[in-house]
Amino acid sequence: MSSSNRITPRALSLTAALLGAAFGLAVPTALAGDHYDPDEAARVEILSGWREADGTHMAALHVELGVGWKTYWRAPGDAGIPPSIDWSGSKNLGAVSYQWPVPEVFEQNGMRTIGYQHELVLPIQITPRDPSAPVTLKARLTLGVCRDVCMPMQTRLKVELPTPGAPDARISRAMEQRPDTAAEAGLGSVRCEVTPSADGLEVTAHLTLPRQGGEEVVVMETPNPEIWVSEADVTRSGAILTARADLVPPPGTPMVLDRSALRFTVLAEGRGVDVLGCGS
């Protein structure tokens, strides 16, 4: 199917976004005739965390969700809204990396989304430009929340990270909920077949990997968020897990694929495996 006529609930819902207040999450006004209490969808804060011995700082984004509400993982599925954080205006901020906990897979009305219910604690590793100086974080967060409908929301957050700070059990617990590495999961090899399609590429990955659970879901990602990646068709034959997905660039954009940058996440029964790159 051509990407030019692919219209998803995510694209439609973006028209509902509102600008957030100085603290806390701004929720779109409830639609006429619905039953939502917009004040109960979610609350957001930054957990200030602690400074590590190597000079980096561990903090976290904390999203507390109302009853029945969900939010999304970095690759949320076609009906989801991926989170986005703009750190412009922060002081003494060098680099930022995220340590995503293993998400859940949700099936509703024939559509699959990937994310979190109840709460999300997303550990964030901060590298200061000057390790001897304090870091002030200013963040503009765009976040999708979903119950029966999905809505994007925006908020602004600000916090000065303490030095040295103090351990936070919520952050430590979330760090322990990361996916296994390929080595930890016993991955043997990854082999990819790449073939042209009508509007992009078809990628089939064969992972030599012990079974992770009853129903295994494989999420395929590229570094370029503008490339649309379909939900993967997954099969298993003995030790070989096979996932096939379509990759479609924006209209008029050439499709360039670096196999070594392809990312595969295997999800099953609360477990995850993070695999980077594949050979021919």
C-alpha atoms as a PDB file:
ATOM      1  CA  MET A   1       0.000   0.000   0.000  1.00  0.00           C
ATOM      2  CA  SER A   2       1.293   3.441  -0.882  1.00  0.00           C
ATOM      3  CA  SER A   3       2.283   5.633   2.065  1.00  0.00           C
ATOM      4  CA  SER A   4       0.521   8.627   0.477  1.00  0.00           C
ATOM      5  CA  ASN A   5      -2.939   7.206   1.236  1.00  0.00           C
ATOM      6  CA  ARG A   6      -2.118   5.664   4.651  1.00  0.00           C
ATOM      7  CA  ILE A   7      -4.149   7.670   7.215  1.00  0.00           C
ATOM      8  CA  THR A   8      -3.800   6.461  10.796  1.00  0.00           C
ATOM      9  CA  PRO A   9      -5.620   7.426  14.005  1.00  0.00           C
ATOM     10  CA  ARG A  10      -2.293   8.895  15.142  1.00  0.00           C
ATOM     11  CA  ALA A  11      -2.255  11.371  12.246  1.00  0.00           C
ATOM     12  CA  LEU A  12      -5.887  12.333  12.801  1.00  0.00           C
ATOM     13  CA  SER A  13      -5.481  12.823  16.539  1.00  0.00           C
ATOM     14  CA  LEU A  14      -2.612  15.288  16.190  1.00  0.00           C
ATOM     15  CA  THR A  15      -5.123  18.038  15.482  1.00  0.00           C
ATOM     16  CA  ALA A  16      -6.241  17.792  19.123  1.00  0.00           C
ATOM     17  CA  ALA A  17      -2.885  18.782  20.677  1.00  0.00           C
ATOM     18  CA  LEU A  18      -2.852  21.630  23.188  1.00  0.00           C
ATOM     19  CA  LEU A  19       0.066  23.505  24.717  1.00  0.00           C
ATOM     20  CA  GLY A  20       0.827  22.456  28.319  1.00  0.00           C
ATOM     21  CA  ALA A  21       1.015  24.528  31.447  1.00  0.00           C
ATOM     22  CA  ALA A  22       4.265  25.267  33.281  1.00  0.00           C
ATOM     23  CA  PHE A  23       4.008  22.027  35.275  1.00  0.00           C
ATOM     24  CA  GLY A  24       1.878  18.932  34.961  1.00  0.00           C
ATOM     25  CA  LEU A  25       0.200  17.530  31.877  1.00  0.00           C
ATOM     26  CA  ALA A  26      -2.236  19.505  29.764  1.00  0.00           C
ATOM     27  CA  VAL A  27      -5.071  17.287  28.561  1.00  0.00           C
ATOM     28  CA  PRO A  28      -7.304  18.178  25.595  1.00  0.00           C
ATOM     29  CA  THR A  29     -10.821  19.255  26.470  1.00  0.00           C
ATOM     30  CA  ALA A  30     -13.183  16.285  26.546  1.00  0.00           C
ATOM     31  CA  LEU A  31     -15.105  15.754  23.325  1.00  0.00           C
ATOM     32  CA  ALA A  32     -18.809  16.485  23.335  1.00  0.00           C
ATOM     33  CA  GLY A  33     -20.805  13.505  24.536  1.00  0.00           C
ATOM     34  CA  ASP A  34     -17.874  11.455  25.813  1.00  0.00           C
ATOM     35  CA  HIS A  35     -17.316  10.352  29.402  1.00  0.00           C
ATOM     36  CA  TYR A  36     -13.694  11.348  29.992  1.00  0.00           C
ATOM     37  CA  ASP A  37     -12.507  13.350  32.952  1.00  0.00           C
ATOM     38  CA  PRO A  38      -9.514  15.117  31.356  1.00  0.00           C
ATOM     39  CA  ASP A  39      -7.929  15.861  34.738  1.00  0.00           C
ATOM     40  CA  GLU A  40      -7.466  12.139  35.426  1.00  0.00           C
ATOM     41  CA  ALA A  41      -5.604  11.039  32.281  1.00  0.00           C
ATOM     42  CA  ALA A  42      -2.001  11.523  33.429  1.00  0.00           C
ATOM     43  CA  ARG A  43       0.422  13.505  35.546  1.00  0.00           C
ATOM     44  CA  VAL A  44       4.078  14.031  34.628  1.00  0.00           C
ATOM     45  CA  GLU A  45       7.235  14.909  36.564  1.00  0.00           C
ATOM     46  CA  ILE A  46      11.000  14.529  36.266  1.00  0.00           C
ATOM     47  CA  LEU A  47      12.587  12.425  39.002  1.00  0.00           C
ATOM     48  CA  SER A  48      15.850  14.254  39.764  1.00  0.00           C
ATOM     49  CA  GLY A  49      17.892  11.144  40.649  1.00  0.00           C
ATOM     50  CA  TRP A  50      21.613  11.077  41.393  1.00  0.00           C
ATOM     51  CA  ARG A  51      25.064  11.812  40.015  1.00  0.00           C
ATOM     52  CA  GLU A  52      27.147   8.728  39.103  1.00  0.00           C
ATOM     53  CA  ALA A  53      30.861   8.307  39.873  1.00  0.00           C
ATOM     54  CA  ASP A  54      31.703   8.795  36.177  1.00  0.00           C
ATOM     55  CA  GLY A  55      30.046  12.241  36.157  1.00  0.00           C
ATOM     56  CA  THR A  56      26.844  11.229  34.371  1.00  0.00           C
ATOM     57  CA  HIS A  57      23.501  11.789  36.064  1.00  0.00           C
ATOM     58  CA  MET A  58      20.607   9.315  36.308  1.00  0.00           C
ATOM     59  CA  ALA A  59      17.180  10.944  36.239  1.00  0.00           C
ATOM     60  CA  ALA A  60      13.811   9.756  34.915  1.00  0.00           C
ATOM     61  CA  LEU A  61      10.583  10.860  33.325  1.00  0.00           C
ATOM     62  CA  HIS A  62       7.682   9.727  35.504  1.00  0.00           C
ATOM     63  CA  VAL A  63       4.224   9.450  33.948  1.00  0.00           C
ATOM     64  CA  GLU A  64       1.438   8.519  36.353  1.00  0.00           C
ATOM     65  CA  LEU A  65      -1.616   7.331  34.421  1.00  0.00           C
ATOM     66  CA  GLY A  66      -5.257   7.432  35.414  1.00  0.00           C
ATOM     67  CA  VAL A  67      -7.421   4.319  35.593  1.00  0.00           C
ATOM     68  CA  GLY A  68      -7.830   2.791  32.137  1.00  0.00           C
ATOM     69  CA  TRP A  69      -5.308   5.131  30.452  1.00  0.00           C
ATOM     70  CA  LYS A  70      -2.183   4.006  28.625  1.00  0.00           C
ATOM     71  CA  THR A  71       0.828   5.740  27.134  1.00  0.00           C
ATOM     72  CA  TYR A  72       3.265   4.624  24.477  1.00  0.00           C
ATOM     73  CA  TRP A  73       6.686   3.123  23.889  1.00  0.00           C
ATOM     74  CA  ARG A  74       9.189   4.666  21.430  1.00  0.00           C
ATOM     75  CA  ALA A  75       7.711   2.478  18.625  1.00  0.00           C
ATOM     76  CA  PRO A  76       4.014   2.587  19.540  1.00  0.00           C
ATOM     77  CA  GLY A  77       2.336   0.831  16.594  1.00  0.00           C
ATOM     78  CA  ASP A  78       0.189   2.472  13.938  1.00  0.00           C
ATOM     79  CA  ALA A  79      -2.507   3.655  16.367  1.00  0.00           C
ATOM     80  CA  GLY A  80      -0.106   5.123  18.929  1.00  0.00           C
ATOM     81  CA  ILE A  81       1.668   8.435  19.416  1.00  0.00           C
ATOM     82  CA  PRO A  82       5.406   8.154  20.085  1.00  0.00           C
ATOM     83  CA  PRO A  83       6.739  10.330  22.918  1.00  0.00           C
ATOM     84  CA  SER A  84       8.995  13.237  22.029  1.00  0.00           C
ATOM     85  CA  ILE A  85      11.126  15.395  24.344  1.00  0.00           C
ATOM     86  CA  ASP A  86      12.723  18.690  23.290  1.00  0.00           C
ATOM     87  CA  TRP A  87      15.520  19.685  25.692  1.00  0.00           C
ATOM     88  CA  SER A  88      16.093  23.161  24.216  1.00  0.00           C
ATOM     89  CA  GLY A  89      16.843  25.732  26.909  1.00  0.00           C
ATOM     90  CA  SER A  90      18.497  23.255  29.280  1.00  0.00           C
ATOM     91  CA  LYS A  91      21.753  24.375  30.914  1.00  0.00           C
ATOM     92  CA  ASN A  92      24.989  22.367  30.994  1.00  0.00           C
ATOM     93  CA  LEU A  93      23.354  19.521  29.066  1.00  0.00           C
ATOM     94  CA  GLY A  94      25.761  17.540  26.885  1.00  0.00           C
ATOM     95  CA  ALA A  95      24.031  14.303  25.867  1.00  0.00           C
ATOM     96  CA  VAL A  96      20.864  12.397  26.736  1.00  0.00           C
ATOM     97  CA  SER A  97      20.103   8.671  26.403  1.00  0.00           C
ATOM     98  CA  TYR A  98      16.979   6.743  27.376  1.00  0.00           C
ATOM     99  CA  GLN A  99      16.737   3.292  28.961  1.00  0.00           C
ATOM    100  CA  TRP A 100      13.285   2.050  28.029  1.00  0.00           C
ATOM    101  CA  PRO A 101      11.675  -0.569  30.291  1.00  0.00           C
ATOM    102  CA  VAL A 102      10.109  -3.568  28.539  1.00  0.00           C
ATOM    103  CA  PRO A 103       6.679  -2.423  27.297  1.00  0.00           C
ATOM    104  CA  GLU A 104       3.379  -4.287  27.044  1.00  0.00           C
ATOM    105  CA  VAL A 105       1.624  -5.290  23.813  1.00  0.00           C
ATOM    106  CA  PHE A 106      -2.061  -4.308  23.613  1.00  0.00           C
ATOM    107  CA  GLU A 107      -4.592  -5.674  21.121  1.00  0.00           C
ATOM    108  CA  GLN A 108      -7.828  -3.711  20.732  1.00  0.00           C
ATOM    109  CA  ASN A 109     -10.332  -3.532  17.874  1.00  0.00           C
ATOM    110  CA  GLY A 110      -7.970  -5.452  15.618  1.00  0.00           C
ATOM    111  CA  MET A 111      -5.116  -2.985  16.178  1.00  0.00           C
ATOM    112  CA  ARG A 112      -1.850  -3.480  18.051  1.00  0.00           C
ATOM    113  CA  THR A 113      -0.239  -0.811  20.192  1.00  0.00           C
ATOM    114  CA  ILE A 114       2.817  -1.017  22.439  1.00  0.00           C
ATOM    115  CA  GLY A 115       3.223   0.908  25.659  1.00  0.00           C
ATOM    116  CA  TYR A 116       2.511   1.113  29.357  1.00  0.00           C
ATOM    117  CA  GLN A 117      -0.454   1.214  31.703  1.00  0.00           C
ATOM    118  CA  HIS A 118      -0.624   2.500  35.304  1.00  0.00           C
ATOM    119  CA  GLU A 119       2.722   4.335  35.063  1.00  0.00           C
ATOM    120  CA  LEU A 120       5.920   4.785  33.100  1.00  0.00           C
ATOM    121  CA  VAL A 121       9.280   5.463  34.714  1.00  0.00           C
ATOM    122  CA  LEU A 122      11.723   6.155  31.855  1.00  0.00           C
ATOM    123  CA  PRO A 123      15.341   6.307  33.099  1.00  0.00           C
ATOM    124  CA  ILE A 124      17.349   9.091  31.460  1.00  0.00           C
ATOM    125  CA  GLN A 125      21.144   9.174  31.506  1.00  0.00           C
ATOM    126  CA  ILE A 126      22.366  12.777  31.400  1.00  0.00           C
ATOM    127  CA  THR A 127      25.933  13.666  30.398  1.00  0.00           C
ATOM    128  CA  PRO A 128      26.768  17.219  31.566  1.00  0.00           C
ATOM    129  CA  ARG A 129      28.999  19.422  29.447  1.00  0.00           C
ATOM    130  CA  ASP A 130      30.863  20.301  32.643  1.00  0.00           C
ATOM    131  CA  PRO A 131      30.675  17.477  35.231  1.00  0.00           C
ATOM    132  CA  SER A 132      31.641  19.879  38.013  1.00  0.00           C
ATOM    133  CA  ALA A 133      28.683  22.209  37.367  1.00  0.00           C
ATOM    134  CA  PRO A 134      24.932  21.728  38.021  1.00  0.00           C
ATOM    135  CA  VAL A 135      22.501  20.754  35.268  1.00  0.00           C
ATOM    136  CA  THR A 136      19.162  22.464  34.759  1.00  0.00           C
ATOM    137  CA  LEU A 137      16.696  20.550  32.604  1.00  0.00           C
ATOM    138  CA  LYS A 138      14.003  22.282  30.590  1.00  0.00           C
ATOM    139  CA  ALA A 139      11.830  19.902  28.610  1.00  0.00           C
ATOM    140  CA  ARG A 140       8.936  20.264  26.229  1.00  0.00           C
ATOM    141  CA  LEU A 141       7.217  16.896  26.232  1.00  0.00           C
ATOM    142  CA  THR A 142       4.742  15.604  23.662  1.00  0.00           C
ATOM    143  CA  LEU A 143       3.048  12.483  24.941  1.00  0.00           C
ATOM    144  CA  GLY A 144       0.243  10.281  23.681  1.00  0.00           C
ATOM    145  CA  VAL A 145      -2.344   8.865  26.070  1.00  0.00           C
ATOM    146  CA  CYS A 146      -5.087   6.454  25.156  1.00  0.00           C
ATOM    147  CA  ARG A 147      -8.195   4.908  26.615  1.00  0.00           C
ATOM    148  CA  ASP A 148     -10.946   4.351  24.044  1.00  0.00           C
ATOM    149  CA  VAL A 149      -9.469   7.158  21.935  1.00  0.00           C
ATOM    150  CA  CYS A 150      -5.882   8.387  21.646  1.00  0.00           C
ATOM    151  CA  MET A 151      -4.888  11.991  22.307  1.00  0.00           C
ATOM    152  CA  PRO A 152      -1.560  13.822  22.069  1.00  0.00           C
ATOM    153  CA  MET A 153      -0.740  16.213  24.875  1.00  0.00           C
ATOM    154  CA  GLN A 154       2.064  18.670  25.582  1.00  0.00           C
ATOM    155  CA  THR A 155       3.651  20.016  28.737  1.00  0.00           C
ATOM    156  CA  ARG A 156       6.753  21.918  29.858  1.00  0.00           C
ATOM    157  CA  LEU A 157       8.909  20.674  32.730  1.00  0.00           C
ATOM    158  CA  LYS A 158      11.863  22.236  34.545  1.00  0.00           C
ATOM    159  CA  VAL A 159      14.127  20.848  37.263  1.00  0.00           C
ATOM    160  CA  GLU A 160      17.649  21.472  38.573  1.00  0.00           C
ATOM    161  CA  LEU A 161      19.458  18.179  39.074  1.00  0.00           C
ATOM    162  CA  PRO A 162      20.996  17.885  42.544  1.00  0.00           C
ATOM    163  CA  THR A 163      24.651  17.054  43.132  1.00  0.00           C
ATOM    164  CA  PRO A 164      25.193  14.380  44.270  1.00  0.00           C
ATOM    165  CA  GLY A 165      21.459  13.677  44.641  1.00  0.00           C
ATOM    166  CA  ALA A 166      20.193  10.454  46.184  1.00  0.00           C
ATOM    167  CA  PRO A 167      19.265   6.940  45.015  1.00  0.00           C
ATOM    168  CA  ASP A 168      15.658   6.601  43.873  1.00  0.00           C
ATOM    169  CA  ALA A 169      14.145   3.111  44.051  1.00  0.00           C
ATOM    170  CA  ARG A 170      11.681   3.942  41.275  1.00  0.00           C
ATOM    171  CA  ILE A 171      14.499   4.721  38.829  1.00  0.00           C
ATOM    172  CA  SER A 172      16.573   1.720  39.899  1.00  0.00           C
ATOM    173  CA  ARG A 173      13.589  -0.606  39.486  1.00  0.00           C
ATOM    174  CA  ALA A 174      12.878   0.740  35.998  1.00  0.00           C
ATOM    175  CA  MET A 175      16.523   0.240  35.008  1.00  0.00           C
ATOM    176  CA  GLU A 176      16.219  -3.410  36.033  1.00  0.00           C
ATOM    177  CA  GLN A 177      13.171  -3.760  33.737  1.00  0.00           C
ATOM    178  CA  ARG A 178      15.207  -3.155  30.571  1.00  0.00           C
ATOM    179  CA  PRO A 179      15.211  -5.763  27.771  1.00  0.00           C
ATOM    180  CA  ASP A 180      17.912  -8.410  27.755  1.00  0.00           C
ATOM    181  CA  THR A 181      20.857  -7.838  25.461  1.00  0.00           C
ATOM    182  CA  ALA A 182      21.393 -10.235  22.558  1.00  0.00           C
ATOM    183  CA  ALA A 183      24.162 -11.970  24.498  1.00  0.00           C
ATOM    184  CA  GLU A 184      22.050 -12.302  27.659  1.00  0.00           C
ATOM    185  CA  ALA A 185      19.204 -13.844  25.651  1.00  0.00           C
ATOM    186  CA  GLY A 186      21.486 -16.356  23.915  1.00  0.00           C
ATOM    187  CA  LEU A 187      21.146 -14.935  20.400  1.00  0.00           C
ATOM    188  CA  GLY A 188      23.141 -17.008  17.927  1.00  0.00           C
ATOM    189  CA  SER A 189      22.934 -14.954  14.739  1.00  0.00           C
ATOM    190  CA  VAL A 190      20.791 -12.483  12.780  1.00  0.00           C
ATOM    191  CA  ARG A 191      20.442 -12.705   9.008  1.00  0.00           C
ATOM    192  CA  CYS A 192      18.411 -10.280   6.877  1.00  0.00           C
ATOM    193  CA  GLU A 193      16.986 -10.505   3.385  1.00  0.00           C
ATOM    194  CA  VAL A 194      16.170  -7.147   1.787  1.00  0.00           C
ATOM    195  CA  THR A 195      14.089  -6.918  -1.391  1.00  0.00           C
ATOM    196  CA  PRO A 196      12.554  -3.918  -3.207  1.00  0.00           C
ATOM    197  CA  SER A 197       8.799  -3.363  -2.935  1.00  0.00           C
ATOM    198  CA  ALA A 198       6.395  -1.061  -4.776  1.00  0.00           C
ATOM    199  CA  ASP A 199       7.026   1.866  -2.405  1.00  0.00           C
ATOM    200  CA  GLY A 200      10.089   0.903  -0.373  1.00  0.00           C
ATOM    201  CA  LEU A 201      11.756  -2.257   0.886  1.00  0.00           C
ATOM    202  CA  GLU A 202      10.685  -5.561   2.375  1.00  0.00           C
ATOM    203  CA  VAL A 203      12.952  -6.812   5.163  1.00  0.00           C
ATOM    204  CA  THR A 204      12.906 -10.372   6.443  1.00  0.00           C
ATOM    205  CA  ALA A 205      15.023 -11.067   9.524  1.00  0.00           C
ATOM    206  CA  HIS A 206      15.944 -14.557  10.740  1.00  0.00           C
ATOM    207  CA  LEU A 207      17.025 -14.608  14.398  1.00  0.00           C
ATOM    208  CA  THR A 208      18.569 -17.709  15.938  1.00  0.00           C
ATOM    209  CA  LEU A 209      17.106 -17.198  19.403  1.00  0.00           C
ATOM    210  CA  PRO A 210      15.653 -19.388  22.175  1.00  0.00           C
ATOM    211  CA  ARG A 211      11.874 -19.084  22.499  1.00  0.00           C
ATOM    212  CA  GLN A 212      11.001 -16.113  24.723  1.00  0.00           C
ATOM    213  CA  GLY A 213       7.381 -16.988  25.442  1.00  0.00           C
ATOM    214  CA  GLY A 214       4.130 -18.231  24.024  1.00  0.00           C
ATOM    215  CA  GLU A 215       3.420 -15.433  21.543  1.00  0.00           C
ATOM    216  CA  GLU A 216       6.478 -13.550  20.350  1.00  0.00           C
ATOM    217  CA  VAL A 217       6.161 -10.059  18.870  1.00  0.00           C
ATOM    218  CA  VAL A 218       9.051  -8.547  16.923  1.00  0.00           C
ATOM    219  CA  VAL A 219       9.272  -4.774  16.474  1.00  0.00           C
ATOM    220  CA  MET A 220      11.557  -3.565  13.690  1.00  0.00           C
ATOM    221  CA  GLU A 221      12.966   0.003  13.829  1.00  0.00           C
ATOM    222  CA  THR A 222      15.271   2.211  11.769  1.00  0.00           C
ATOM    223  CA  PRO A 223      17.171   5.289  13.053  1.00  0.00           C
ATOM    224  CA  ASN A 224      15.067   7.504  10.772  1.00  0.00           C
ATOM    225  CA  PRO A 225      11.640   8.146  12.383  1.00  0.00           C
ATOM    226  CA  GLU A 226      10.258   9.325   9.021  1.00  0.00           C
ATOM    227  CA  ILE A 227      10.481   5.806   7.598  1.00  0.00           C
ATOM    228  CA  TRP A 228       7.195   3.983   8.134  1.00  0.00           C
ATOM    229  CA  VAL A 229       7.699   0.407   9.355  1.00  0.00           C
ATOM    230  CA  SER A 230       4.795  -2.016   9.209  1.00  0.00           C
ATOM    231  CA  GLU A 231       3.781  -4.407  11.949  1.00  0.00           C
ATOM    232  CA  ALA A 232       6.012  -7.439  11.489  1.00  0.00           C
ATOM    233  CA  ASP A 233       4.659 -10.840  10.481  1.00  0.00           C
ATOM    234  CA  VAL A 234       6.313 -13.298  12.876  1.00  0.00           C
ATOM    235  CA  THR A 235       6.804 -17.059  12.562  1.00  0.00           C
ATOM    236  CA  ARG A 236       9.005 -19.550  14.377  1.00  0.00           C
ATOM    237  CA  SER A 237      10.539 -22.824  13.236  1.00  0.00           C
ATOM    238  CA  GLY A 238      12.530 -24.454  16.008  1.00  0.00           C
ATOM    239  CA  ALA A 239      15.356 -22.131  17.042  1.00  0.00           C
ATOM    240  CA  ILE A 240      14.722 -19.670  14.171  1.00  0.00           C
ATOM    241  CA  LEU A 241      12.449 -16.690  14.744  1.00  0.00           C
ATOM    242  CA  THR A 242      11.513 -14.962  11.474  1.00  0.00           C
ATOM    243  CA  ALA A 243      10.049 -11.453  11.197  1.00  0.00           C
ATOM    244  CA  ARG A 244       8.999  -9.740   7.937  1.00  0.00           C
ATOM    245  CA  ALA A 245       8.092  -6.045   7.641  1.00  0.00           C
ATOM    246  CA  ASP A 246       7.669  -3.331   4.994  1.00  0.00           C
ATOM    247  CA  LEU A 247       9.743  -0.141   5.169  1.00  0.00           C
ATOM    248  CA  VAL A 248       8.365   2.910   3.338  1.00  0.00           C
ATOM    249  CA  PRO A 249      10.136   6.302   3.130  1.00  0.00           C
ATOM    250  CA  PRO A 250       8.247   9.616   2.769  1.00  0.00           C
ATOM    251  CA  PRO A 251       6.989  10.316  -0.766  1.00  0.00           C
ATOM    252  CA  GLY A 252       9.766  11.501  -3.069  1.00  0.00           C
ATOM    253  CA  THR A 253      12.511  10.390  -0.682  1.00  0.00           C
ATOM    254  CA  PRO A 254      15.014   7.700  -1.712  1.00  0.00           C
ATOM    255  CA  MET A 255      15.094   4.626   0.494  1.00  0.00           C
ATOM    256  CA  VAL A 256      18.518   4.192   2.123  1.00  0.00           C
ATOM    257  CA  LEU A 257      18.958   1.303   4.541  1.00  0.00           C
ATOM    258  CA  ASP A 258      21.923   0.610   6.806  1.00  0.00           C
ATOM    259  CA  ARG A 259      21.517  -3.019   7.891  1.00  0.00           C
ATOM    260  CA  SER A 260      23.834  -2.479  10.851  1.00  0.00           C
ATOM    261  CA  ALA A 261      21.474   0.197  12.224  1.00  0.00           C
ATOM    262  CA  LEU A 262      18.302  -1.920  12.053  1.00  0.00           C
ATOM    263  CA  ARG A 263      16.932  -2.615  15.515  1.00  0.00           C
ATOM    264  CA  PHE A 264      14.795  -5.581  16.528  1.00  0.00           C
ATOM    265  CA  THR A 265      12.979  -5.908  19.841  1.00  0.00           C
ATOM    266  CA  VAL A 266      11.468  -9.288  20.695  1.00  0.00           C
ATOM    267  CA  LEU A 267       8.607  -9.049  23.209  1.00  0.00           C
ATOM    268  CA  ALA A 268       6.911 -11.997  24.922  1.00  0.00           C
ATOM    269  CA  GLU A 269       5.180 -12.473  28.270  1.00  0.00           C
ATOM    270  CA  GLY A 270       6.727  -9.441  29.945  1.00  0.00           C
ATOM    271  CA  ARG A 271      10.228 -10.166  28.637  1.00  0.00           C
ATOM    272  CA  GLY A 272      12.201  -8.360  25.945  1.00  0.00           C
ATOM    273  CA  VAL A 273      15.342  -8.825  23.882  1.00  0.00           C
ATOM    274  CA  ASP A 274      17.137  -5.896  22.208  1.00  0.00           C
ATOM    275  CA  VAL A 275      19.027  -6.767  19.003  1.00  0.00           C
ATOM    276  CA  LEU A 276      20.975  -4.258  16.914  1.00  0.00           C
ATOM    277  CA  GLY A 277      22.015  -4.897  13.318  1.00  0.00           C
ATOM    278  CA  CYS A 278      21.880  -7.831  10.955  1.00  0.00           C
ATOM    279  CA  GLY A 279      24.005  -9.379   8.222  1.00  0.00           C
ATOM    280  CA  SER A 280      23.100 -10.596   4.755  1.00  0.00           C
END
